[in-house]
Amino acid sequence: MNRLVRIALTLFVSATVLIFLVLQRLQRAKEIGVGADANELSRFAKSELQMAYIGMGIVAIMLIAGVVLIITAIAKAKKKPATHG
């Protein structure tokens, strides 16, 4: 398997794990927010939401990088001349 494809698959798996971690943070923020005032989340809940947003940004970057690596691998495979042997 191509090295770029292996790196891309690793990025996809890491992004999947990070999505589950972000979902746990969102669940924690929701639980904290229920106990807080109806109009205002506590500072801790806001912090959890901020971390979830940062995590989703990292997931997006990882997925974009993975797609770019796969496109690069496909482009390199098509440019490689056929060996006649």
PDB file of N, CA and C in Angstrom:
ATOM      1  N   MET A   1       0.847  -1.168   0.000  1.00  0.00           N
ATOM      2  CA  MET A   1       0.000   0.000   0.000  1.00  0.00           C
ATOM      3  C   MET A   1       0.898   1.239   0.000  1.00  0.00           C
ATOM      4  N   ASN A   2       0.466   2.234  -0.694  1.00  0.00           N
ATOM      5  CA  ASN A   2       1.206   3.478  -0.827  1.00  0.00           C
ATOM      6  C   ASN A   2       1.363   4.162   0.542  1.00  0.00           C
ATOM      7  N   ARG A   3       2.511   4.777   0.763  1.00  0.00           N
ATOM      8  CA  ARG A   3       2.782   5.444   2.031  1.00  0.00           C
ATOM      9  C   ARG A   3       1.794   6.583   2.292  1.00  0.00           C
ATOM     10  N   LEU A   4       1.461   7.343   1.263  1.00  0.00           N
ATOM     11  CA  LEU A   4       0.526   8.452   1.433  1.00  0.00           C
ATOM     12  C   LEU A   4      -0.869   7.957   1.821  1.00  0.00           C
ATOM     13  N   VAL A   5      -1.269   6.845   1.255  1.00  0.00           N
ATOM     14  CA  VAL A   5      -2.579   6.273   1.580  1.00  0.00           C
ATOM     15  C   VAL A   5      -2.594   5.786   3.029  1.00  0.00           C
ATOM     16  N   ARG A   6      -1.496   5.177   3.475  1.00  0.00           N
ATOM     17  CA  ARG A   6      -1.429   4.728   4.870  1.00  0.00           C
ATOM     18  C   ARG A   6      -1.522   5.906   5.823  1.00  0.00           C
ATOM     19  N   ILE A   7      -0.845   7.000   5.504  1.00  0.00           N
ATOM     20  CA  ILE A   7      -0.915   8.191   6.345  1.00  0.00           C
ATOM     21  C   ILE A   7      -2.342   8.743   6.361  1.00  0.00           C
ATOM     22  N   ALA A   8      -2.988   8.762   5.192  1.00  0.00           N
ATOM     23  CA  ALA A   8      -4.358   9.260   5.107  1.00  0.00           C
ATOM     24  C   ALA A   8      -5.302   8.391   5.937  1.00  0.00           C
ATOM     25  N   LEU A   9      -5.145   7.078   5.860  1.00  0.00           N
ATOM     26  CA  LEU A   9      -5.999   6.195   6.654  1.00  0.00           C
ATOM     27  C   LEU A   9      -5.775   6.406   8.152  1.00  0.00           C
ATOM     28  N   THR A  10      -4.537   6.640   8.534  1.00  0.00           N
ATOM     29  CA  THR A  10      -4.243   6.931   9.935  1.00  0.00           C
ATOM     30  C   THR A  10      -4.925   8.225  10.370  1.00  0.00           C
ATOM     31  N   LEU A  11      -4.908   9.227   9.503  1.00  0.00           N
ATOM     32  CA  LEU A  11      -5.590  10.482   9.818  1.00  0.00           C
ATOM     33  C   LEU A  11      -7.098  10.274   9.960  1.00  0.00           C
ATOM     34  N   PHE A  12      -7.691   9.453   9.091  1.00  0.00           N
ATOM     35  CA  PHE A  12      -9.122   9.188   9.164  1.00  0.00           C
ATOM     36  C   PHE A  12      -9.488   8.466  10.461  1.00  0.00           C
ATOM     37  N   VAL A  13      -8.683   7.493  10.854  1.00  0.00           N
ATOM     38  CA  VAL A  13      -8.953   6.755  12.091  1.00  0.00           C
ATOM     39  C   VAL A  13      -8.802   7.685  13.294  1.00  0.00           C
ATOM     40  N   SER A  14      -7.771   8.507  13.282  1.00  0.00           N
ATOM     41  CA  SER A  14      -7.563   9.457  14.383  1.00  0.00           C
ATOM     42  C   SER A  14      -8.702  10.457  14.461  1.00  0.00           C
ATOM     43  N   ALA A  15      -9.183  10.908  13.319  1.00  0.00           N
ATOM     44  CA  ALA A  15     -10.305  11.848  13.301  1.00  0.00           C
ATOM     45  C   ALA A  15     -11.566  11.185  13.856  1.00  0.00           C
ATOM     46  N   THR A  16     -11.762   9.918  13.548  1.00  0.00           N
ATOM     47  CA  THR A  16     -12.922   9.204  14.073  1.00  0.00           C
ATOM     48  C   THR A  16     -12.867   9.112  15.592  1.00  0.00           C
ATOM     49  N   VAL A  17     -11.715   8.781  16.128  1.00  0.00           N
ATOM     50  CA  VAL A  17     -11.561   8.710  17.585  1.00  0.00           C
ATOM     51  C   VAL A  17     -11.791  10.083  18.205  1.00  0.00           C
ATOM     52  N   LEU A  18     -11.255  11.118  17.575  1.00  0.00           N
ATOM     53  CA  LEU A  18     -11.418  12.466  18.101  1.00  0.00           C
ATOM     54  C   LEU A  18     -12.881  12.904  18.072  1.00  0.00           C
ATOM     55  N   ILE A  19     -13.635  12.465  17.089  1.00  0.00           N
ATOM     56  CA  ILE A  19     -15.066  12.792  17.040  1.00  0.00           C
ATOM     57  C   ILE A  19     -15.785  12.213  18.254  1.00  0.00           C
ATOM     58  N   PHE A  20     -15.456  10.982  18.620  1.00  0.00           N
ATOM     59  CA  PHE A  20     -16.083  10.391  19.800  1.00  0.00           C
ATOM     60  C   PHE A  20     -15.709  11.152  21.072  1.00  0.00           C
ATOM     61  N   LEU A  21     -14.479  11.610  21.166  1.00  0.00           N
ATOM     62  CA  LEU A  21     -14.062  12.394  22.320  1.00  0.00           C
ATOM     63  C   LEU A  21     -14.789  13.737  22.374  1.00  0.00           C
ATOM     64  N   VAL A  22     -14.979  14.349  21.215  1.00  0.00           N
ATOM     65  CA  VAL A  22     -15.708  15.620  21.151  1.00  0.00           C
ATOM     66  C   VAL A  22     -17.160  15.404  21.555  1.00  0.00           C
ATOM     67  N   LEU A  23     -17.753  14.301  21.123  1.00  0.00           N
ATOM     68  CA  LEU A  23     -19.140  14.018  21.506  1.00  0.00           C
ATOM     69  C   LEU A  23     -19.271  13.841  23.014  1.00  0.00           C
ATOM     70  N   GLN A  24     -18.264  13.233  23.640  1.00  0.00           N
ATOM     71  CA  GLN A  24     -18.288  13.115  25.100  1.00  0.00           C
ATOM     72  C   GLN A  24     -18.223  14.493  25.761  1.00  0.00           C
ATOM     73  N   ARG A  25     -17.394  15.381  25.231  1.00  0.00           N
ATOM     74  CA  ARG A  25     -17.305  16.737  25.780  1.00  0.00           C
ATOM     75  C   ARG A  25     -18.638  17.473  25.624  1.00  0.00           C
ATOM     76  N   LEU A  26     -19.288  17.306  24.478  1.00  0.00           N
ATOM     77  CA  LEU A  26     -20.575  17.958  24.273  1.00  0.00           C
ATOM     78  C   LEU A  26     -21.622  17.416  25.241  1.00  0.00           C
ATOM     79  N   GLN A  27     -21.587  16.125  25.487  1.00  0.00           N
ATOM     80  CA  GLN A  27     -22.516  15.527  26.440  1.00  0.00           C
ATOM     81  C   GLN A  27     -22.263  16.080  27.844  1.00  0.00           C
ATOM     82  N   ARG A  28     -20.993  16.199  28.215  1.00  0.00           N
ATOM     83  CA  ARG A  28     -20.635  16.752  29.524  1.00  0.00           C
ATOM     84  C   ARG A  28     -21.094  18.205  29.636  1.00  0.00           C
ATOM     85  N   ALA A  29     -20.921  18.977  28.581  1.00  0.00           N
ATOM     86  CA  ALA A  29     -21.357  20.377  28.592  1.00  0.00           C
ATOM     87  C   ALA A  29     -22.870  20.469  28.721  1.00  0.00           C
ATOM     88  N   LYS A  30     -23.575  19.553  28.082  1.00  0.00           N
ATOM     89  CA  LYS A  30     -25.034  19.540  28.160  1.00  0.00           C
ATOM     90  C   LYS A  30     -25.484  19.231  29.586  1.00  0.00           C
ATOM     91  N   GLU A  31     -24.835  18.255  30.213  1.00  0.00           N
ATOM     92  CA  GLU A  31     -25.193  17.902  31.588  1.00  0.00           C
ATOM     93  C   GLU A  31     -24.919  19.053  32.546  1.00  0.00           C
ATOM     94  N   ILE A  32     -23.814  19.748  32.327  1.00  0.00           N
ATOM     95  CA  ILE A  32     -23.480  20.884  33.184  1.00  0.00           C
ATOM     96  C   ILE A  32     -24.451  22.031  32.934  1.00  0.00           C
ATOM     97  N   GLY A  33     -24.814  22.233  31.674  1.00  0.00           N
ATOM     98  CA  GLY A  33     -25.708  23.324  31.308  1.00  0.00           C
ATOM     99  C   GLY A  33     -27.099  23.162  31.867  1.00  0.00           C
ATOM    100  N   VAL A  34     -27.553  21.927  32.053  1.00  0.00           N
ATOM    101  CA  VAL A  34     -28.885  21.687  32.603  1.00  0.00           C
ATOM    102  C   VAL A  34     -28.943  22.152  34.056  1.00  0.00           C
ATOM    103  N   GLY A  35     -27.846  21.965  34.775  1.00  0.00           N
ATOM    104  CA  GLY A  35     -27.815  22.374  36.173  1.00  0.00           C
ATOM    105  C   GLY A  35     -27.628  23.872  36.358  1.00  0.00           C
ATOM    106  N   ALA A  36     -27.168  24.558  35.350  1.00  0.00           N
ATOM    107  CA  ALA A  36     -26.915  25.999  35.454  1.00  0.00           C
ATOM    108  C   ALA A  36     -28.202  26.778  35.197  1.00  0.00           C
ATOM    109  N   ASP A  37     -28.094  28.096  35.252  1.00  0.00           N
ATOM    110  CA  ASP A  37     -29.243  28.953  34.944  1.00  0.00           C
ATOM    111  C   ASP A  37     -29.726  28.670  33.528  1.00  0.00           C
ATOM    112  N   ALA A  38     -31.010  28.897  33.316  1.00  0.00           N
ATOM    113  CA  ALA A  38     -31.571  28.627  31.995  1.00  0.00           C
ATOM    114  C   ALA A  38     -31.000  29.564  30.941  1.00  0.00           C
ATOM    115  N   ASN A  39     -30.690  30.799  31.314  1.00  0.00           N
ATOM    116  CA  ASN A  39     -30.207  31.786  30.347  1.00  0.00           C
ATOM    117  C   ASN A  39     -28.708  31.726  30.145  1.00  0.00           C
ATOM    118  N   GLU A  40     -27.990  31.333  31.159  1.00  0.00           N
ATOM    119  CA  GLU A  40     -26.525  31.431  31.105  1.00  0.00           C
ATOM    120  C   GLU A  40     -25.886  30.114  31.507  1.00  0.00           C
ATOM    121  N   LEU A  41     -24.998  29.593  30.636  1.00  0.00           N
ATOM    122  CA  LEU A  41     -24.247  28.396  30.994  1.00  0.00           C
ATOM    123  C   LEU A  41     -23.150  28.773  31.973  1.00  0.00           C
ATOM    124  N   SER A  42     -22.773  27.826  32.786  1.00  0.00           N
ATOM    125  CA  SER A  42     -21.673  28.106  33.706  1.00  0.00           C
ATOM    126  C   SER A  42     -20.377  28.254  32.917  1.00  0.00           C
ATOM    127  N   ARG A  43     -19.364  28.799  33.553  1.00  0.00           N
ATOM    128  CA  ARG A  43     -18.077  28.997  32.870  1.00  0.00           C
ATOM    129  C   ARG A  43     -17.474  27.665  32.447  1.00  0.00           C
ATOM    130  N   PHE A  44     -17.676  26.655  33.256  1.00  0.00           N
ATOM    131  CA  PHE A  44     -17.124  25.344  32.925  1.00  0.00           C
ATOM    132  C   PHE A  44     -17.800  24.765  31.685  1.00  0.00           C
ATOM    133  N   ALA A  45     -19.109  24.925  31.577  1.00  0.00           N
ATOM    134  CA  ALA A  45     -19.833  24.441  30.405  1.00  0.00           C
ATOM    135  C   ALA A  45     -19.383  25.188  29.151  1.00  0.00           C
ATOM    136  N   LYS A  46     -19.153  26.482  29.282  1.00  0.00           N
ATOM    137  CA  LYS A  46     -18.658  27.260  28.138  1.00  0.00           C
ATOM    138  C   LYS A  46     -17.272  26.774  27.722  1.00  0.00           C
ATOM    139  N   SER A  47     -16.455  26.451  28.713  1.00  0.00           N
ATOM    140  CA  SER A  47     -15.123  25.930  28.417  1.00  0.00           C
ATOM    141  C   SER A  47     -15.211  24.591  27.682  1.00  0.00           C
ATOM    142  N   GLU A  48     -16.135  23.744  28.111  1.00  0.00           N
ATOM    143  CA  GLU A  48     -16.321  22.453  27.441  1.00  0.00           C
ATOM    144  C   GLU A  48     -16.774  22.653  25.995  1.00  0.00           C
ATOM    145  N   LEU A  49     -17.677  23.586  25.774  1.00  0.00           N
ATOM    146  CA  LEU A  49     -18.138  23.867  24.414  1.00  0.00           C
ATOM    147  C   LEU A  49     -17.002  24.404  23.548  1.00  0.00           C
ATOM    148  N   GLN A  50     -16.174  25.273  24.128  1.00  0.00           N
ATOM    149  CA  GLN A  50     -15.040  25.807  23.381  1.00  0.00           C
ATOM    150  C   GLN A  50     -14.082  24.688  22.985  1.00  0.00           C
ATOM    151  N   MET A  51     -13.813  23.768  23.891  1.00  0.00           N
ATOM    152  CA  MET A  51     -12.938  22.637  23.578  1.00  0.00           C
ATOM    153  C   MET A  51     -13.554  21.747  22.503  1.00  0.00           C
ATOM    154  N   ALA A  52     -14.867  21.597  22.531  1.00  0.00           N
ATOM    155  CA  ALA A  52     -15.541  20.798  21.501  1.00  0.00           C
ATOM    156  C   ALA A  52     -15.399  21.458  20.133  1.00  0.00           C
ATOM    157  N   TYR A  53     -15.540  22.776  20.080  1.00  0.00           N
ATOM    158  CA  TYR A  53     -15.375  23.485  18.809  1.00  0.00           C
ATOM    159  C   TYR A  53     -13.947  23.360  18.291  1.00  0.00           C
ATOM    160  N   ILE A  54     -12.981  23.478  19.182  1.00  0.00           N
ATOM    161  CA  ILE A  54     -11.583  23.324  18.776  1.00  0.00           C
ATOM    162  C   ILE A  54     -11.341  21.908  18.268  1.00  0.00           C
ATOM    163  N   GLY A  55     -11.907  20.923  18.954  1.00  0.00           N
ATOM    164  CA  GLY A  55     -11.769  19.530  18.531  1.00  0.00           C
ATOM    165  C   GLY A  55     -12.367  19.294  17.153  1.00  0.00           C
ATOM    166  N   MET A  56     -13.532  19.884  16.886  1.00  0.00           N
ATOM    167  CA  MET A  56     -14.151  19.720  15.571  1.00  0.00           C
ATOM    168  C   MET A  56     -13.316  20.402  14.493  1.00  0.00           C
ATOM    169  N   GLY A  57     -12.683  21.514  14.837  1.00  0.00           N
ATOM    170  CA  GLY A  57     -11.786  22.165  13.878  1.00  0.00           C
ATOM    171  C   GLY A  57     -10.602  21.279  13.544  1.00  0.00           C
ATOM    172  N   ILE A  58     -10.046  20.633  14.560  1.00  0.00           N
ATOM    173  CA  ILE A  58      -8.923  19.715  14.330  1.00  0.00           C
ATOM    174  C   ILE A  58      -9.369  18.527  13.483  1.00  0.00           C
ATOM    175  N   VAL A  59     -10.571  18.016  13.754  1.00  0.00           N
ATOM    176  CA  VAL A  59     -11.106  16.904  12.946  1.00  0.00           C
ATOM    177  C   VAL A  59     -11.231  17.330  11.488  1.00  0.00           C
ATOM    178  N   ALA A  60     -11.732  18.531  11.246  1.00  0.00           N
ATOM    179  CA  ALA A  60     -11.891  19.012   9.871  1.00  0.00           C
ATOM    180  C   ALA A  60     -10.539  19.111   9.173  1.00  0.00           C
ATOM    181  N   ILE A  61      -9.537  19.625   9.874  1.00  0.00           N
ATOM    182  CA  ILE A  61      -8.202  19.736   9.288  1.00  0.00           C
ATOM    183  C   ILE A  61      -7.642  18.355   8.963  1.00  0.00           C
ATOM    184  N   MET A  62      -7.835  17.395   9.875  1.00  0.00           N
ATOM    185  CA  MET A  62      -7.332  16.040   9.644  1.00  0.00           C
ATOM    186  C   MET A  62      -8.019  15.386   8.444  1.00  0.00           C
ATOM    187  N   LEU A  63      -9.329  15.580   8.321  1.00  0.00           N
ATOM    188  CA  LEU A  63     -10.047  14.994   7.193  1.00  0.00           C
ATOM    189  C   LEU A  63      -9.636  15.632   5.866  1.00  0.00           C
ATOM    190  N   ILE A  64      -9.466  16.934   5.861  1.00  0.00           N
ATOM    191  CA  ILE A  64      -9.025  17.615   4.639  1.00  0.00           C
ATOM    192  C   ILE A  64      -7.627  17.150   4.247  1.00  0.00           C
ATOM    193  N   ALA A  65      -6.737  17.032   5.237  1.00  0.00           N
ATOM    194  CA  ALA A  65      -5.382  16.558   4.951  1.00  0.00           C
ATOM    195  C   ALA A  65      -5.405  15.137   4.404  1.00  0.00           C
ATOM    196  N   GLY A  66      -6.261  14.287   4.948  1.00  0.00           N
ATOM    197  CA  GLY A  66      -6.371  12.917   4.452  1.00  0.00           C
ATOM    198  C   GLY A  66      -6.848  12.861   3.013  1.00  0.00           C
ATOM    199  N   VAL A  67      -7.842  13.669   2.691  1.00  0.00           N
ATOM    200  CA  VAL A  67      -8.351  13.701   1.315  1.00  0.00           C
ATOM    201  C   VAL A  67      -7.274  14.213   0.369  1.00  0.00           C
ATOM    202  N   VAL A  68      -6.546  15.246   0.781  1.00  0.00           N
ATOM    203  CA  VAL A  68      -5.470  15.785  -0.061  1.00  0.00           C
ATOM    204  C   VAL A  68      -4.394  14.719  -0.288  1.00  0.00           C
ATOM    205  N   LEU A  69      -4.046  13.964   0.738  1.00  0.00           N
ATOM    206  CA  LEU A  69      -3.046  12.909   0.584  1.00  0.00           C
ATOM    207  C   LEU A  69      -3.513  11.820  -0.381  1.00  0.00           C
ATOM    208  N   ILE A  70      -4.773  11.456  -0.305  1.00  0.00           N
ATOM    209  CA  ILE A  70      -5.289  10.431  -1.227  1.00  0.00           C
ATOM    210  C   ILE A  70      -5.298  10.958  -2.653  1.00  0.00           C
ATOM    211  N   ILE A  71      -5.694  12.202  -2.840  1.00  0.00           N
ATOM    212  CA  ILE A  71      -5.680  12.793  -4.188  1.00  0.00           C
ATOM    213  C   ILE A  71      -4.253  12.851  -4.717  1.00  0.00           C
ATOM    214  N   THR A  72      -3.315  13.212  -3.851  1.00  0.00           N
ATOM    215  CA  THR A  72      -1.909  13.254  -4.251  1.00  0.00           C
ATOM    216  C   THR A  72      -1.415  11.867  -4.639  1.00  0.00           C
ATOM    217  N   ALA A  73      -1.783  10.846  -3.879  1.00  0.00           N
ATOM    218  CA  ALA A  73      -1.365   9.482  -4.183  1.00  0.00           C
ATOM    219  C   ALA A  73      -1.937   9.018  -5.522  1.00  0.00           C
ATOM    220  N   ILE A  74      -3.183   9.366  -5.791  1.00  0.00           N
ATOM    221  CA  ILE A  74      -3.798   8.984  -7.069  1.00  0.00           C
ATOM    222  C   ILE A  74      -3.105   9.702  -8.221  1.00  0.00           C
ATOM    223  N   ALA A  75      -2.821  10.987  -8.029  1.00  0.00           N
ATOM    224  CA  ALA A  75      -2.153  11.756  -9.087  1.00  0.00           C
ATOM    225  C   ALA A  75      -0.757  11.199  -9.369  1.00  0.00           C
ATOM    226  N   LYS A  76      -0.024  10.838  -8.326  1.00  0.00           N
ATOM    227  CA  LYS A  76       1.314  10.270  -8.519  1.00  0.00           C
ATOM    228  C   LYS A  76       1.253   8.910  -9.197  1.00  0.00           C
ATOM    229  N   ALA A  77       0.239   8.128  -8.876  1.00  0.00           N
ATOM    230  CA  ALA A  77       0.104   6.799  -9.484  1.00  0.00           C
ATOM    231  C   ALA A  77      -0.205   6.915 -10.976  1.00  0.00           C
ATOM    232  N   LYS A  78      -0.973   7.919 -11.357  1.00  0.00           N
ATOM    233  CA  LYS A  78      -1.308   8.081 -12.771  1.00  0.00           C
ATOM    234  C   LYS A  78      -0.160   8.656 -13.573  1.00  0.00           C
ATOM    235  N   LYS A  79       0.682   9.468 -12.934  1.00  0.00           N
ATOM    236  CA  LYS A  79       1.823  10.062 -13.645  1.00  0.00           C
ATOM    237  C   LYS A  79       2.972   9.075 -13.827  1.00  0.00           C
ATOM    238  N   LYS A  80       3.033   8.064 -13.000  1.00  0.00           N
ATOM    239  CA  LYS A  80       4.148   7.112 -13.063  1.00  0.00           C
ATOM    240  C   LYS A  80       4.078   6.334 -14.375  1.00  0.00           C
ATOM    241  N   PRO A  81       5.153   6.371 -15.160  1.00  0.00           N
ATOM    242  CA  PRO A  81       5.121   5.661 -16.442  1.00  0.00           C
ATOM    243  C   PRO A  81       5.109   4.140 -16.236  1.00  0.00           C
ATOM    244  N   ALA A  82       4.466   3.480 -17.153  1.00  0.00           N
ATOM    245  CA  ALA A  82       4.396   2.011 -17.081  1.00  0.00           C
ATOM    246  C   ALA A  82       5.754   1.424 -17.425  1.00  0.00           C
ATOM    247  N   THR A  83       6.157   0.451 -16.648  1.00  0.00           N
ATOM    248  CA  THR A  83       7.444  -0.207 -16.922  1.00  0.00           C
ATOM    249  C   THR A  83       7.215  -1.350 -17.892  1.00  0.00           C
ATOM    250  N   HIS A  84       8.049  -1.419 -18.897  1.00  0.00           N
ATOM    251  CA  HIS A  84       7.957  -2.493 -19.894  1.00  0.00           C
ATOM    252  C   HIS A  84       9.091  -3.458 -19.638  1.00  0.00           C
ATOM    253  N   GLY A  85       8.756  -4.585 -19.142  1.00  0.00           N
ATOM    254  CA  GLY A  85       9.856  -5.433 -18.797  1.00  0.00           C
ATOM    255  C   GLY A  85       9.675  -6.804 -19.187  1.00  0.00           C
TER     256      GLY A  85
END
